[in-house]
Amino acid sequence: MVKLRLKRCGRKQRAVYRIIAIDVRSRREGRDLRKVGFYDPIKNQTHLNVPAILYFLEKGAQPTGTVDDILKKAGVFTELHLNQFNQ
């Protein structure tokens, strides 16, 4: 099973995170399938590759709680519902 979750990057006390698609059995710092976004909690910035995120969600990927909140704030799930409605 594939999950969309955060991968920690950056230095001590200045963490930034990549949003990645990864196999459930891998560690947090393990090898990812694809990088689909970036999240900086200090500056509160988010950069998302929405087509890649939609692809993984349509294939059955499950976002973790934090990633779910980030995607809801960005409005990705409304686009997912529109894509499913149009097909």
N, C-alpha and C. Protein backbone atom coordinates (compact mmCIF):
# COMPACT_ATOMS: atom_id res chain seq x y z
N MET A 1 0.83 -1.17 0.00
CA MET A 1 0.00 0.00 0.00
C MET A 1 0.89 1.25 0.00
N VAL A 2 0.44 2.27 -0.67
CA VAL A 2 1.19 3.52 -0.79
C VAL A 2 0.55 4.57 0.10
N LYS A 3 1.40 5.35 0.76
CA LYS A 3 0.92 6.46 1.58
C LYS A 3 1.59 7.74 1.12
N LEU A 4 0.86 8.84 1.30
CA LEU A 4 1.43 10.17 1.12
C LEU A 4 1.79 10.65 2.52
N ARG A 5 3.09 10.88 2.76
CA ARG A 5 3.51 11.30 4.09
C ARG A 5 4.69 12.24 4.01
N LEU A 6 5.10 12.74 5.17
CA LEU A 6 6.17 13.72 5.25
C LEU A 6 7.52 13.05 5.43
N LYS A 7 8.53 13.62 4.79
CA LYS A 7 9.91 13.18 4.96
C LYS A 7 10.70 14.39 5.45
N ARG A 8 11.34 14.23 6.60
CA ARG A 8 12.02 15.36 7.24
C ARG A 8 13.31 15.69 6.53
N CYS A 9 13.54 16.99 6.31
CA CYS A 9 14.76 17.51 5.72
C CYS A 9 15.16 18.74 6.52
N GLY A 10 16.25 19.35 6.15
CA GLY A 10 16.68 20.56 6.83
C GLY A 10 17.63 20.26 7.98
N ARG A 11 17.97 21.30 8.72
CA ARG A 11 18.92 21.13 9.81
C ARG A 11 18.20 21.13 11.15
N LYS A 12 18.97 21.01 12.23
CA LYS A 12 18.39 20.99 13.57
C LYS A 12 17.63 22.28 13.84
N GLN A 13 16.48 22.14 14.47
CA GLN A 13 15.62 23.27 14.86
C GLN A 13 15.06 24.05 13.67
N ARG A 14 15.33 23.63 12.45
CA ARG A 14 14.82 24.30 11.24
C ARG A 14 14.29 23.26 10.26
N ALA A 15 13.43 22.41 10.73
CA ALA A 15 12.95 21.30 9.90
C ALA A 15 12.05 21.80 8.78
N VAL A 16 12.24 21.23 7.62
CA VAL A 16 11.32 21.37 6.49
C VAL A 16 10.99 19.96 6.04
N TYR A 17 9.89 19.79 5.36
CA TYR A 17 9.42 18.46 5.01
C TYR A 17 9.12 18.38 3.53
N ARG A 18 9.42 17.22 2.95
CA ARG A 18 8.96 16.89 1.61
C ARG A 18 7.73 16.02 1.75
N ILE A 19 6.75 16.25 0.91
CA ILE A 19 5.59 15.37 0.85
C ILE A 19 5.89 14.35 -0.23
N ILE A 20 5.87 13.07 0.17
CA ILE A 20 6.30 12.02 -0.75
C ILE A 20 5.27 10.90 -0.79
N ALA A 21 5.31 10.15 -1.87
CA ALA A 21 4.57 8.90 -1.98
C ALA A 21 5.56 7.80 -1.66
N ILE A 22 5.20 6.93 -0.71
CA ILE A 22 6.14 5.93 -0.23
C ILE A 22 5.38 4.67 0.16
N ASP A 23 6.05 3.53 0.07
CA ASP A 23 5.46 2.27 0.50
C ASP A 23 5.31 2.29 2.03
N VAL A 24 4.25 1.72 2.53
CA VAL A 24 3.93 1.75 3.96
C VAL A 24 5.03 1.12 4.81
N ARG A 25 5.66 0.10 4.28
CA ARG A 25 6.65 -0.64 5.06
C ARG A 25 8.00 0.07 5.17
N SER A 26 8.20 1.17 4.45
CA SER A 26 9.46 1.89 4.49
C SER A 26 9.52 2.82 5.70
N ARG A 27 10.75 3.14 6.11
CA ARG A 27 10.95 4.08 7.21
C ARG A 27 10.66 5.50 6.74
N ARG A 28 10.64 6.43 7.70
CA ARG A 28 10.37 7.83 7.37
C ARG A 28 11.42 8.36 6.40
N GLU A 29 12.66 7.99 6.61
CA GLU A 29 13.74 8.47 5.75
C GLU A 29 14.05 7.49 4.62
N GLY A 30 13.17 6.53 4.39
CA GLY A 30 13.41 5.51 3.38
C GLY A 30 13.28 6.03 1.97
N ARG A 31 13.46 5.12 1.02
CA ARG A 31 13.40 5.48 -0.40
C ARG A 31 11.96 5.73 -0.82
N ASP A 32 11.72 6.88 -1.43
CA ASP A 32 10.36 7.23 -1.82
C ASP A 32 10.09 6.84 -3.27
N LEU A 33 8.80 6.75 -3.59
CA LEU A 33 8.40 6.48 -4.97
C LEU A 33 8.48 7.75 -5.80
N ARG A 34 8.01 8.86 -5.21
CA ARG A 34 8.02 10.14 -5.92
C ARG A 34 7.83 11.28 -4.93
N LYS A 35 8.50 12.38 -5.18
CA LYS A 35 8.30 13.59 -4.39
C LYS A 35 7.13 14.36 -5.01
N VAL A 36 6.14 14.69 -4.19
CA VAL A 36 4.95 15.35 -4.74
C VAL A 36 4.69 16.71 -4.11
N GLY A 37 5.54 17.14 -3.19
CA GLY A 37 5.32 18.44 -2.59
C GLY A 37 6.38 18.81 -1.58
N PHE A 38 6.20 19.99 -0.99
CA PHE A 38 7.14 20.55 -0.04
C PHE A 38 6.35 21.33 1.00
N TYR A 39 6.74 21.23 2.27
CA TYR A 39 6.04 21.93 3.34
C TYR A 39 7.06 22.51 4.31
N ASP A 40 6.96 23.82 4.55
CA ASP A 40 7.83 24.50 5.51
C ASP A 40 6.95 25.05 6.63
N PRO A 41 6.94 24.41 7.81
CA PRO A 41 6.07 24.86 8.89
C PRO A 41 6.52 26.17 9.52
N ILE A 42 7.78 26.53 9.38
CA ILE A 42 8.27 27.77 9.99
C ILE A 42 7.77 28.98 9.21
N LYS A 43 7.90 28.94 7.90
CA LYS A 43 7.40 30.02 7.04
C LYS A 43 5.96 29.81 6.62
N ASN A 44 5.41 28.65 6.96
CA ASN A 44 4.04 28.26 6.59
C ASN A 44 3.84 28.30 5.07
N GLN A 45 4.79 27.71 4.34
CA GLN A 45 4.72 27.65 2.89
C GLN A 45 4.50 26.22 2.44
N THR A 46 3.72 26.08 1.38
CA THR A 46 3.46 24.77 0.81
C THR A 46 3.54 24.85 -0.70
N HIS A 47 4.25 23.91 -1.30
CA HIS A 47 4.31 23.78 -2.76
C HIS A 47 3.89 22.36 -3.08
N LEU A 48 2.86 22.23 -3.93
CA LEU A 48 2.31 20.91 -4.24
C LEU A 48 2.33 20.66 -5.73
N ASN A 49 2.63 19.43 -6.11
CA ASN A 49 2.51 18.97 -7.49
C ASN A 49 1.13 18.29 -7.56
N VAL A 50 0.10 19.07 -7.82
CA VAL A 50 -1.28 18.60 -7.71
C VAL A 50 -1.58 17.45 -8.68
N PRO A 51 -1.14 17.47 -9.94
CA PRO A 51 -1.43 16.31 -10.81
C PRO A 51 -0.84 15.01 -10.28
N ALA A 52 0.36 15.06 -9.72
CA ALA A 52 0.97 13.85 -9.17
C ALA A 52 0.21 13.37 -7.93
N ILE A 53 -0.22 14.30 -7.09
CA ILE A 53 -0.98 13.94 -5.88
C ILE A 53 -2.31 13.31 -6.28
N LEU A 54 -2.99 13.91 -7.26
CA LEU A 54 -4.26 13.35 -7.72
C LEU A 54 -4.07 11.96 -8.30
N TYR A 55 -2.97 11.75 -9.02
CA TYR A 55 -2.69 10.43 -9.59
C TYR A 55 -2.59 9.39 -8.49
N PHE A 56 -1.81 9.67 -7.44
CA PHE A 56 -1.64 8.70 -6.36
C PHE A 56 -2.93 8.50 -5.57
N LEU A 57 -3.70 9.56 -5.36
CA LEU A 57 -4.97 9.41 -4.64
C LEU A 57 -5.97 8.57 -5.43
N GLU A 58 -6.00 8.74 -6.75
CA GLU A 58 -6.89 7.94 -7.59
C GLU A 58 -6.48 6.47 -7.61
N LYS A 59 -5.18 6.21 -7.45
CA LYS A 59 -4.70 4.83 -7.41
C LYS A 59 -4.86 4.18 -6.05
N GLY A 60 -5.35 4.93 -5.05
CA GLY A 60 -5.63 4.34 -3.74
C GLY A 60 -4.67 4.71 -2.64
N ALA A 61 -3.79 5.67 -2.86
CA ALA A 61 -2.86 6.08 -1.81
C ALA A 61 -3.61 6.76 -0.68
N GLN A 62 -3.15 6.52 0.55
CA GLN A 62 -3.78 7.10 1.73
C GLN A 62 -2.86 8.17 2.32
N PRO A 63 -3.35 9.42 2.49
CA PRO A 63 -2.52 10.44 3.13
C PRO A 63 -2.54 10.27 4.65
N THR A 64 -1.42 10.61 5.30
CA THR A 64 -1.38 10.60 6.75
C THR A 64 -2.18 11.79 7.26
N GLY A 65 -2.36 11.88 8.55
CA GLY A 65 -3.17 12.94 9.13
C GLY A 65 -2.68 14.34 8.79
N THR A 66 -1.40 14.57 8.95
CA THR A 66 -0.84 15.89 8.67
C THR A 66 -0.92 16.23 7.19
N VAL A 67 -0.59 15.28 6.35
CA VAL A 67 -0.66 15.51 4.90
C VAL A 67 -2.12 15.74 4.48
N ASP A 68 -3.04 15.02 5.10
CA ASP A 68 -4.46 15.20 4.83
C ASP A 68 -4.88 16.64 5.13
N ASP A 69 -4.44 17.18 6.26
CA ASP A 69 -4.75 18.56 6.61
C ASP A 69 -4.16 19.55 5.61
N ILE A 70 -2.92 19.30 5.17
CA ILE A 70 -2.27 20.18 4.20
C ILE A 70 -3.03 20.16 2.88
N LEU A 71 -3.44 18.97 2.43
CA LEU A 71 -4.16 18.85 1.16
C LEU A 71 -5.55 19.48 1.25
N LYS A 72 -6.22 19.34 2.39
CA LYS A 72 -7.52 19.97 2.56
C LYS A 72 -7.40 21.48 2.51
N LYS A 73 -6.36 22.02 3.15
CA LYS A 73 -6.15 23.46 3.17
C LYS A 73 -5.88 23.99 1.77
N ALA A 74 -5.21 23.17 0.95
CA ALA A 74 -4.89 23.57 -0.43
C ALA A 74 -6.04 23.32 -1.39
N GLY A 75 -7.08 22.59 -0.97
CA GLY A 75 -8.23 22.34 -1.83
C GLY A 75 -8.02 21.23 -2.84
N VAL A 76 -7.15 20.29 -2.57
CA VAL A 76 -6.86 19.21 -3.51
C VAL A 76 -8.02 18.24 -3.60
N PHE A 77 -8.72 18.01 -2.50
CA PHE A 77 -9.80 17.03 -2.51
C PHE A 77 -11.00 17.50 -3.33
N THR A 78 -11.21 18.81 -3.43
CA THR A 78 -12.28 19.29 -4.30
C THR A 78 -11.95 18.99 -5.76
N GLU A 79 -10.67 19.12 -6.12
CA GLU A 79 -10.25 18.79 -7.49
C GLU A 79 -10.39 17.29 -7.75
N LEU A 80 -10.11 16.47 -6.73
CA LEU A 80 -10.25 15.02 -6.88
C LEU A 80 -11.71 14.66 -7.14
N HIS A 81 -12.63 15.28 -6.40
CA HIS A 81 -14.04 15.00 -6.60
C HIS A 81 -14.53 15.49 -7.97
N LEU A 82 -14.00 16.62 -8.42
CA LEU A 82 -14.37 17.12 -9.75
C LEU A 82 -13.86 16.18 -10.85
N ASN A 83 -12.65 15.64 -10.68
CA ASN A 83 -12.11 14.70 -11.67
C ASN A 83 -12.92 13.42 -11.71
N GLN A 84 -13.33 12.92 -10.56
CA GLN A 84 -14.13 11.70 -10.52
C GLN A 84 -15.52 11.93 -11.08
N PHE A 85 -16.06 13.14 -10.88
CA PHE A 85 -17.38 13.47 -11.38
C PHE A 85 -17.38 13.57 -12.90
N ASN A 86 -16.32 14.11 -13.48
CA ASN A 86 -16.22 14.32 -14.92
C ASN A 86 -15.97 13.03 -15.69
N GLN A 87 -15.49 11.99 -15.03
CA GLN A 87 -15.19 10.75 -15.75
C GLN A 87 -16.37 9.89 -15.95
